[in-house]
């Protein structure tokens, strides 16, 4: 067998090295068949970052919010003349021999039926008359406080009597409680505004005082219920806010004992001092000369006798 000459071997090696070098330097041909120029081949590739759009949560902070709860008004009460008339009263109960007070789902017997206009399905407040409300400054009676003990619905009716079922009890319901026709009290939806702060001027609107607190609480704060001596006759309506304040200085004015409460007196004529702002409250229910107010914010302890001003 004849071996290849040395020149043939050298030529083959040269061709192999050339092909390898050409393979390393060759670039892929772009689509369409066009070759890239020298400048394009050496350019740095541009990377564009695509970000997902940020999700902005939708909140209800700016929407009207309820300023109270059903229990704030359905389990409090109202002021009325001492001799308010009620159509019927509780005079018996299904569990009379086992109970002295009654709660939800108990059956009560009342002293009126078809003769007083009762019908099956009628709804009533269960009410008890309580103490007179004495104004802390004038020491005069504003009327009697009537407490809502719960609600009831007429279950069956006879000529002169009926059975009512307690659908909701706020507290114990005693014998001889009265029934008052139920009327829904809606909870206002409002947008809150910033509270008054030190140095703010008066609004110039109607002014009054806290005259009564739920359960006789003396040291009051946020989320508690009070009655003020301003009502529809003074331009108040459900959903309004009142600013709470007092004058805290001096010996001739300031804190003074008045009946069973300590009240704050305004400065005498000719004396001017800044107000001490205590918080604010939302009006939930309105009478002619009184309003039920829920204390929504407080930055100091409040008490019966503190002043209020329509915001």
Foldseek 3Di string as FASTA:
>chain_A
DDDDDPVVVVVVVVVVVVVVVCVVPDDDQDPPRDRDDPVVVPDDDDDDDDDDDDDDDDDCLQPFDFQADQCLPLFFWDFDAAPDDFLKWFAAFPCRVPDQWDFAFTKTKIFAFVVSPDDFFFKWFFKDWDAFFAAQPVRHTPGTTIGGQAMWTWHAGDHGMTMIGGHGGPDTRGHGTGIHGDDDFDGDTGNDDDADDWPDDAPPADKWWFRAFGPRDFWDFAQGKTKIQAFVQRPDDFFWKKWWWADDDDDVWQWDDGPPHTATDDDDPPDDDTIGTFAMWGFRAGDHGMTMTGGHGGPGTDGGHIMIGTD
